[in-house]
N, C-alpha and C. Protein backbone atom coordinates (compact mmCIF):
# COMPACT_ATOMS: atom_id res chain seq x y z
N UNK A 1 -22.34 9.62 12.80
CA UNK A 1 -21.97 10.10 11.47
C UNK A 1 -21.81 11.62 11.50
N UNK A 2 -22.75 12.30 12.17
CA UNK A 2 -22.68 13.76 12.25
C UNK A 2 -21.45 14.20 13.02
N UNK A 3 -21.08 13.42 14.06
CA UNK A 3 -19.89 13.74 14.84
C UNK A 3 -18.63 13.64 13.97
N UNK A 4 -18.59 12.65 13.12
CA UNK A 4 -17.44 12.45 12.26
C UNK A 4 -17.27 13.61 11.28
N UNK A 5 -18.39 14.06 10.68
CA UNK A 5 -18.32 15.19 9.76
C UNK A 5 -17.93 16.46 10.49
N UNK A 6 -18.43 16.63 11.72
CA UNK A 6 -18.09 17.81 12.50
C UNK A 6 -16.61 17.82 12.87
N UNK A 7 -16.06 16.66 13.26
CA UNK A 7 -14.64 16.60 13.61
C UNK A 7 -13.78 16.83 12.37
N UNK A 8 -14.25 16.36 11.21
CA UNK A 8 -13.52 16.58 9.96
C UNK A 8 -13.51 18.08 9.63
N UNK A 9 -14.64 18.75 9.85
CA UNK A 9 -14.72 20.19 9.60
C UNK A 9 -13.79 20.93 10.55
N UNK A 10 -13.75 20.52 11.84
CA UNK A 10 -12.86 21.14 12.81
C UNK A 10 -11.40 20.94 12.39
N UNK A 11 -11.09 19.75 11.91
CA UNK A 11 -9.74 19.45 11.46
C UNK A 11 -9.34 20.36 10.30
N UNK A 12 -10.24 20.54 9.35
CA UNK A 12 -9.96 21.43 8.21
C UNK A 12 -9.76 22.86 8.67
N UNK A 13 -10.55 23.31 9.65
CA UNK A 13 -10.39 24.67 10.16
C UNK A 13 -9.02 24.84 10.82
N UNK A 14 -8.58 23.83 11.57
CA UNK A 14 -7.26 23.89 12.19
C UNK A 14 -6.16 23.95 11.13
N UNK A 15 -6.32 23.16 10.10
CA UNK A 15 -5.32 23.09 9.05
C UNK A 15 -5.31 24.37 8.21
N UNK A 16 -6.49 24.92 7.91
CA UNK A 16 -6.57 26.12 7.09
C UNK A 16 -6.11 27.37 7.82
N UNK A 17 -6.10 27.33 9.13
CA UNK A 17 -5.76 28.53 9.88
C UNK A 17 -4.25 28.84 9.86
N UNK A 18 -3.46 27.97 9.30
CA UNK A 18 -2.00 28.11 9.22
C UNK A 18 -1.33 28.20 10.59
N UNK A 19 -2.01 27.66 11.58
CA UNK A 19 -1.44 27.60 12.91
C UNK A 19 -0.79 26.25 13.17
N UNK A 20 -1.06 25.30 12.28
CA UNK A 20 -0.53 23.95 12.43
C UNK A 20 0.17 23.50 11.15
N UNK A 21 1.11 22.57 11.33
CA UNK A 21 1.77 21.92 10.21
C UNK A 21 1.32 20.47 10.18
N UNK A 22 0.86 20.01 9.02
CA UNK A 22 0.39 18.64 8.88
C UNK A 22 1.58 17.72 8.65
N UNK A 23 1.66 16.64 9.45
CA UNK A 23 2.71 15.64 9.30
C UNK A 23 2.05 14.27 9.29
N UNK A 24 2.17 13.57 8.17
CA UNK A 24 1.55 12.25 8.03
C UNK A 24 2.49 11.19 8.56
N UNK A 25 1.99 10.36 9.45
CA UNK A 25 2.80 9.25 9.98
C UNK A 25 2.87 8.14 8.95
N UNK A 26 3.92 7.35 9.03
CA UNK A 26 4.04 6.18 8.16
C UNK A 26 3.00 5.14 8.56
N UNK A 27 2.43 4.43 7.59
CA UNK A 27 1.45 3.39 7.92
C UNK A 27 2.13 2.19 8.57
N UNK A 28 1.35 1.42 9.32
CA UNK A 28 1.87 0.19 9.90
C UNK A 28 2.11 -0.80 8.77
N UNK A 29 3.25 -1.46 8.81
CA UNK A 29 3.56 -2.43 7.78
C UNK A 29 3.38 -3.84 8.33
N UNK A 30 3.11 -4.73 7.43
CA UNK A 30 3.05 -6.14 7.78
C UNK A 30 4.47 -6.60 8.09
N UNK A 31 4.61 -7.74 8.75
CA UNK A 31 5.97 -8.25 8.98
C UNK A 31 6.73 -8.36 7.67
N UNK A 32 7.95 -7.88 7.66
CA UNK A 32 8.75 -7.84 6.43
C UNK A 32 9.43 -9.18 6.21
N UNK A 33 9.04 -9.83 5.13
CA UNK A 33 9.68 -11.06 4.71
C UNK A 33 10.47 -10.74 3.44
N UNK A 34 11.35 -11.64 3.05
CA UNK A 34 12.14 -11.39 1.84
C UNK A 34 11.28 -11.33 0.59
N UNK A 35 10.14 -12.00 0.62
CA UNK A 35 9.29 -12.02 -0.57
C UNK A 35 8.11 -11.04 -0.46
N UNK A 36 8.21 -10.04 0.43
CA UNK A 36 7.23 -8.95 0.52
C UNK A 36 7.75 -7.75 -0.26
N UNK A 37 6.91 -7.20 -1.10
CA UNK A 37 7.25 -6.01 -1.88
C UNK A 37 6.22 -4.93 -1.55
N UNK A 38 6.70 -3.78 -1.07
CA UNK A 38 5.82 -2.65 -0.76
C UNK A 38 5.93 -1.64 -1.89
N UNK A 39 4.81 -1.36 -2.55
CA UNK A 39 4.78 -0.47 -3.71
C UNK A 39 4.29 0.91 -3.28
N UNK A 40 5.00 1.94 -3.73
CA UNK A 40 4.54 3.31 -3.52
C UNK A 40 4.61 4.04 -4.86
N UNK A 41 4.11 5.25 -4.90
CA UNK A 41 4.15 6.02 -6.14
C UNK A 41 5.56 6.52 -6.43
N UNK A 42 6.42 6.54 -5.44
CA UNK A 42 7.76 7.09 -5.62
C UNK A 42 8.79 6.05 -6.07
N UNK A 43 8.51 4.77 -5.85
CA UNK A 43 9.49 3.75 -6.20
C UNK A 43 9.50 3.49 -7.71
N UNK A 44 10.63 3.08 -8.20
CA UNK A 44 10.82 2.81 -9.63
C UNK A 44 10.08 1.52 -9.99
N UNK A 45 9.13 1.63 -10.92
CA UNK A 45 8.30 0.49 -11.29
C UNK A 45 9.13 -0.64 -11.90
N UNK A 46 10.03 -0.31 -12.81
CA UNK A 46 10.83 -1.32 -13.48
C UNK A 46 11.73 -2.06 -12.49
N UNK A 47 12.28 -1.33 -11.53
CA UNK A 47 13.13 -1.96 -10.52
C UNK A 47 12.34 -2.94 -9.66
N UNK A 48 11.11 -2.57 -9.32
CA UNK A 48 10.28 -3.47 -8.52
C UNK A 48 9.87 -4.70 -9.33
N UNK A 49 9.58 -4.51 -10.60
CA UNK A 49 9.23 -5.63 -11.47
C UNK A 49 10.40 -6.60 -11.56
N UNK A 50 11.60 -6.08 -11.74
CA UNK A 50 12.79 -6.93 -11.81
C UNK A 50 13.05 -7.63 -10.48
N UNK A 51 12.82 -6.93 -9.37
CA UNK A 51 13.03 -7.54 -8.06
C UNK A 51 12.07 -8.70 -7.84
N UNK A 52 10.80 -8.51 -8.19
CA UNK A 52 9.81 -9.59 -8.06
C UNK A 52 10.18 -10.78 -8.94
N UNK A 53 10.57 -10.51 -10.17
CA UNK A 53 10.93 -11.58 -11.10
C UNK A 53 12.15 -12.33 -10.59
N UNK A 54 13.10 -11.61 -10.04
CA UNK A 54 14.31 -12.23 -9.49
C UNK A 54 13.95 -13.15 -8.31
N UNK A 55 13.03 -12.70 -7.45
CA UNK A 55 12.60 -13.54 -6.33
C UNK A 55 11.92 -14.82 -6.83
N UNK A 56 11.05 -14.68 -7.83
CA UNK A 56 10.37 -15.86 -8.37
C UNK A 56 11.35 -16.81 -9.05
N UNK A 57 12.36 -16.26 -9.72
CA UNK A 57 13.35 -17.09 -10.41
C UNK A 57 14.34 -17.74 -9.44
N UNK A 58 14.51 -17.17 -8.25
CA UNK A 58 15.51 -17.68 -7.32
C UNK A 58 14.96 -18.75 -6.37
N UNK A 59 13.76 -19.23 -6.62
CA UNK A 59 13.25 -20.33 -5.81
C UNK A 59 12.02 -20.03 -4.99
N UNK A 60 11.67 -18.77 -4.82
CA UNK A 60 10.43 -18.45 -4.10
C UNK A 60 9.24 -18.82 -4.98
N UNK A 61 8.27 -19.50 -4.41
CA UNK A 61 7.08 -19.88 -5.16
C UNK A 61 6.02 -18.79 -5.15
N UNK A 62 6.19 -17.80 -4.26
CA UNK A 62 5.23 -16.71 -4.21
C UNK A 62 5.88 -15.42 -3.75
N UNK A 63 5.30 -14.32 -4.21
CA UNK A 63 5.73 -12.97 -3.83
C UNK A 63 4.47 -12.24 -3.39
N UNK A 64 4.56 -11.47 -2.31
CA UNK A 64 3.43 -10.71 -1.80
C UNK A 64 3.66 -9.23 -2.10
N UNK A 65 2.74 -8.62 -2.84
CA UNK A 65 2.83 -7.21 -3.23
C UNK A 65 1.80 -6.44 -2.40
N UNK A 66 2.25 -5.39 -1.69
CA UNK A 66 1.38 -4.60 -0.83
C UNK A 66 1.39 -3.15 -1.30
N UNK A 67 0.24 -2.48 -1.19
CA UNK A 67 0.16 -1.09 -1.61
C UNK A 67 -1.00 -0.38 -0.92
N UNK A 68 -0.90 0.95 -0.83
CA UNK A 68 -1.94 1.79 -0.21
C UNK A 68 -2.38 2.88 -1.18
N UNK A 69 -3.65 3.25 -1.08
CA UNK A 69 -4.19 4.44 -1.72
C UNK A 69 -3.89 4.58 -3.20
N UNK A 70 -3.26 5.69 -3.56
CA UNK A 70 -3.02 6.02 -4.96
C UNK A 70 -2.04 5.05 -5.65
N UNK A 71 -1.30 4.28 -4.89
CA UNK A 71 -0.33 3.35 -5.47
C UNK A 71 -0.94 1.98 -5.77
N UNK A 72 -2.23 1.80 -5.50
CA UNK A 72 -2.88 0.51 -5.76
C UNK A 72 -2.80 0.15 -7.23
N UNK A 73 -3.00 1.13 -8.12
CA UNK A 73 -2.91 0.84 -9.56
C UNK A 73 -1.54 0.29 -9.93
N UNK A 74 -0.49 0.83 -9.35
CA UNK A 74 0.87 0.34 -9.64
C UNK A 74 1.04 -1.10 -9.18
N UNK A 75 0.49 -1.43 -8.01
CA UNK A 75 0.61 -2.79 -7.48
C UNK A 75 -0.12 -3.79 -8.37
N UNK A 76 -1.32 -3.42 -8.81
CA UNK A 76 -2.09 -4.29 -9.70
C UNK A 76 -1.35 -4.46 -11.03
N UNK A 77 -0.83 -3.37 -11.55
CA UNK A 77 -0.08 -3.42 -12.80
C UNK A 77 1.16 -4.31 -12.66
N UNK A 78 1.85 -4.19 -11.54
CA UNK A 78 3.03 -5.01 -11.28
C UNK A 78 2.67 -6.49 -11.27
N UNK A 79 1.59 -6.84 -10.58
CA UNK A 79 1.17 -8.25 -10.51
C UNK A 79 0.77 -8.78 -11.89
N UNK A 80 0.06 -7.95 -12.66
CA UNK A 80 -0.37 -8.39 -13.98
C UNK A 80 0.81 -8.52 -14.95
N UNK A 81 1.80 -7.66 -14.81
CA UNK A 81 3.01 -7.78 -15.64
C UNK A 81 3.75 -9.08 -15.32
N UNK A 82 3.84 -9.41 -14.04
CA UNK A 82 4.48 -10.67 -13.64
C UNK A 82 3.72 -11.87 -14.19
N UNK A 83 2.39 -11.80 -14.14
CA UNK A 83 1.56 -12.90 -14.66
C UNK A 83 1.78 -13.05 -16.16
N UNK A 84 1.84 -11.95 -16.88
CA UNK A 84 2.05 -11.99 -18.33
C UNK A 84 3.42 -12.55 -18.68
N UNK A 85 4.44 -12.15 -17.92
CA UNK A 85 5.80 -12.64 -18.17
C UNK A 85 5.94 -14.12 -17.82
N UNK A 86 5.05 -14.62 -16.94
CA UNK A 86 5.13 -16.01 -16.50
C UNK A 86 4.63 -17.00 -17.53
N UNK A 87 4.00 -16.53 -18.60
CA UNK A 87 3.53 -17.40 -19.68
C UNK A 87 2.68 -18.57 -19.18
N UNK A 88 1.72 -18.27 -18.32
CA UNK A 88 0.80 -19.29 -17.84
C UNK A 88 1.23 -20.01 -16.59
N UNK A 89 2.42 -19.75 -16.08
CA UNK A 89 2.88 -20.43 -14.87
C UNK A 89 2.68 -19.58 -13.62
N UNK A 90 2.23 -18.36 -13.78
CA UNK A 90 2.04 -17.44 -12.65
C UNK A 90 0.56 -17.09 -12.54
N UNK A 91 0.04 -17.09 -11.32
CA UNK A 91 -1.32 -16.66 -11.04
C UNK A 91 -1.28 -15.60 -9.94
N UNK A 92 -2.37 -14.87 -9.80
CA UNK A 92 -2.45 -13.83 -8.77
C UNK A 92 -3.74 -13.99 -7.96
N UNK A 93 -3.67 -13.60 -6.70
CA UNK A 93 -4.83 -13.57 -5.82
C UNK A 93 -4.76 -12.28 -5.02
N UNK A 94 -5.81 -11.47 -5.10
CA UNK A 94 -5.79 -10.15 -4.46
C UNK A 94 -6.77 -10.09 -3.30
N UNK A 95 -6.36 -9.41 -2.25
CA UNK A 95 -7.22 -9.11 -1.11
C UNK A 95 -7.17 -7.61 -0.87
N UNK A 96 -8.32 -7.02 -0.60
CA UNK A 96 -8.37 -5.59 -0.30
C UNK A 96 -8.72 -5.40 1.16
N UNK A 97 -8.34 -4.25 1.68
CA UNK A 97 -8.65 -3.94 3.08
C UNK A 97 -8.65 -2.43 3.25
N UNK A 98 -9.02 -2.00 4.43
CA UNK A 98 -8.97 -0.60 4.79
C UNK A 98 -8.00 -0.44 5.94
N UNK A 99 -7.12 0.54 5.83
CA UNK A 99 -6.08 0.77 6.83
C UNK A 99 -6.33 2.12 7.48
N UNK A 100 -6.21 2.17 8.79
CA UNK A 100 -6.38 3.42 9.50
C UNK A 100 -5.02 4.12 9.60
N UNK A 101 -4.98 5.35 9.12
CA UNK A 101 -3.75 6.15 9.14
C UNK A 101 -3.91 7.31 10.12
N UNK A 102 -2.79 7.76 10.68
CA UNK A 102 -2.82 8.85 11.65
C UNK A 102 -2.00 10.02 11.12
N UNK A 103 -2.58 11.21 11.21
CA UNK A 103 -1.89 12.45 10.85
C UNK A 103 -1.68 13.27 12.11
N UNK A 104 -0.53 13.89 12.22
CA UNK A 104 -0.23 14.78 13.35
C UNK A 104 -0.33 16.21 12.89
N UNK A 105 -0.88 17.04 13.74
CA UNK A 105 -0.90 18.48 13.50
C UNK A 105 0.03 19.10 14.53
N UNK A 106 1.17 19.56 14.07
CA UNK A 106 2.15 20.19 14.95
C UNK A 106 1.89 21.68 14.98
N UNK A 107 1.73 22.27 16.19
CA UNK A 107 1.44 23.70 16.27
C UNK A 107 2.64 24.54 15.87
N UNK A 108 2.36 25.66 15.23
CA UNK A 108 3.42 26.60 14.84
C UNK A 108 3.78 27.54 15.99
N UNK A 109 2.86 27.68 16.95
CA UNK A 109 3.12 28.55 18.10
C UNK A 109 3.10 27.70 19.36
N UNK A 110 3.71 28.22 20.44
CA UNK A 110 3.82 27.47 21.68
C UNK A 110 2.52 27.41 22.49
N UNK A 111 1.58 28.29 22.23
CA UNK A 111 0.36 28.33 23.03
C UNK A 111 -0.70 27.33 22.56
N UNK A 112 -0.45 26.58 21.49
CA UNK A 112 -1.40 25.60 20.98
C UNK A 112 -0.94 24.18 21.32
N UNK A 113 -1.90 23.28 21.45
CA UNK A 113 -1.61 21.88 21.75
C UNK A 113 -1.50 21.08 20.44
N UNK A 114 -0.65 20.07 20.40
CA UNK A 114 -0.60 19.20 19.21
C UNK A 114 -1.91 18.42 19.07
N UNK A 115 -2.32 18.18 17.83
CA UNK A 115 -3.55 17.46 17.55
C UNK A 115 -3.21 16.25 16.67
N UNK A 116 -4.10 15.25 16.69
CA UNK A 116 -3.97 14.10 15.79
C UNK A 116 -5.30 13.88 15.09
N UNK A 117 -5.22 13.32 13.90
CA UNK A 117 -6.41 13.02 13.11
C UNK A 117 -6.23 11.63 12.52
N UNK A 118 -7.25 10.79 12.63
CA UNK A 118 -7.19 9.47 11.99
C UNK A 118 -8.05 9.51 10.73
N UNK A 119 -7.63 8.74 9.75
CA UNK A 119 -8.38 8.64 8.49
C UNK A 119 -8.20 7.23 7.94
N UNK A 120 -9.09 6.85 7.06
CA UNK A 120 -9.03 5.53 6.46
C UNK A 120 -8.50 5.62 5.04
N UNK A 121 -7.76 4.59 4.64
CA UNK A 121 -7.22 4.53 3.28
C UNK A 121 -7.34 3.08 2.80
N UNK A 122 -7.58 2.91 1.52
CA UNK A 122 -7.69 1.55 0.98
C UNK A 122 -6.31 0.94 0.79
N UNK A 123 -6.28 -0.38 0.89
CA UNK A 123 -5.03 -1.13 0.72
C UNK A 123 -5.31 -2.37 -0.11
N UNK A 124 -4.26 -2.86 -0.75
CA UNK A 124 -4.37 -4.11 -1.50
C UNK A 124 -3.16 -4.98 -1.17
N UNK A 125 -3.41 -6.27 -1.09
CA UNK A 125 -2.36 -7.26 -0.83
C UNK A 125 -2.53 -8.33 -1.91
N UNK A 126 -1.53 -8.45 -2.78
CA UNK A 126 -1.63 -9.37 -3.92
C UNK A 126 -0.61 -10.48 -3.75
N UNK A 127 -1.08 -11.69 -3.81
CA UNK A 127 -0.21 -12.87 -3.78
C UNK A 127 0.04 -13.29 -5.22
N UNK A 128 1.29 -13.22 -5.64
CA UNK A 128 1.70 -13.65 -6.98
C UNK A 128 2.43 -14.98 -6.78
N UNK A 129 1.90 -16.05 -7.37
CA UNK A 129 2.46 -17.37 -7.07
C UNK A 129 2.56 -18.23 -8.32
N UNK A 130 3.49 -19.18 -8.24
CA UNK A 130 3.67 -20.16 -9.32
C UNK A 130 2.63 -21.27 -9.14
N UNK A 131 2.00 -21.66 -10.24
CA UNK A 131 1.07 -22.78 -10.20
C UNK A 131 1.84 -24.06 -10.51
N UNK A 132 1.32 -25.17 -9.99
CA UNK A 132 1.97 -26.45 -10.25
C UNK A 132 1.78 -26.83 -11.71
N UNK A 133 2.66 -27.62 -12.23
CA UNK A 133 2.61 -28.02 -13.65
C UNK A 133 1.31 -28.74 -13.99
N UNK A 134 0.78 -29.52 -13.05
CA UNK A 134 -0.50 -30.21 -13.29
C UNK A 134 -1.63 -29.20 -13.48
N UNK A 135 -1.62 -28.11 -12.70
CA UNK A 135 -2.67 -27.11 -12.79
C UNK A 135 -2.58 -26.34 -14.12
N UNK A 136 -1.38 -26.15 -14.64
CA UNK A 136 -1.19 -25.45 -15.90
C UNK A 136 -1.78 -26.27 -17.05
N UNK A 137 -1.57 -27.57 -17.03
CA UNK A 137 -2.08 -28.44 -18.09
C UNK A 137 -3.60 -28.47 -18.13
N UNK A 138 -4.24 -28.39 -16.94
CA UNK A 138 -5.71 -28.42 -16.89
C UNK A 138 -6.33 -27.20 -17.53
N UNK A 139 -5.67 -26.08 -17.51
CA UNK A 139 -6.22 -24.84 -18.08
C UNK A 139 -6.06 -24.81 -19.53
């Protein structure tokens, strides 16, 4: 634990010294299927909502919504909006996880070596699916 805090402090010193440029790598994505939706803070919420609804209306029985970090609220909101629009025919199941992300420190001068830093970020994977008509009647 002490080593982790010390390496974090060293990382901050490298970053604060203005000798390095921080470059965040893209996270690893799950295999991309047609019914996978990746939510970020930059994507248009209404467009993603319409895309999910279109997938559910076109014959897919489930849509998988994935999100990281600060965009988790948007993913949860998207799933709940779909459930509300489904009028009892849509249910959601959420799984959370932790994803390891890698940041690169690119040196500004030639005499320094490039550095990397790993960090953890929370993730959510939400399965939005149609329930069978028998299951709807039971509720």
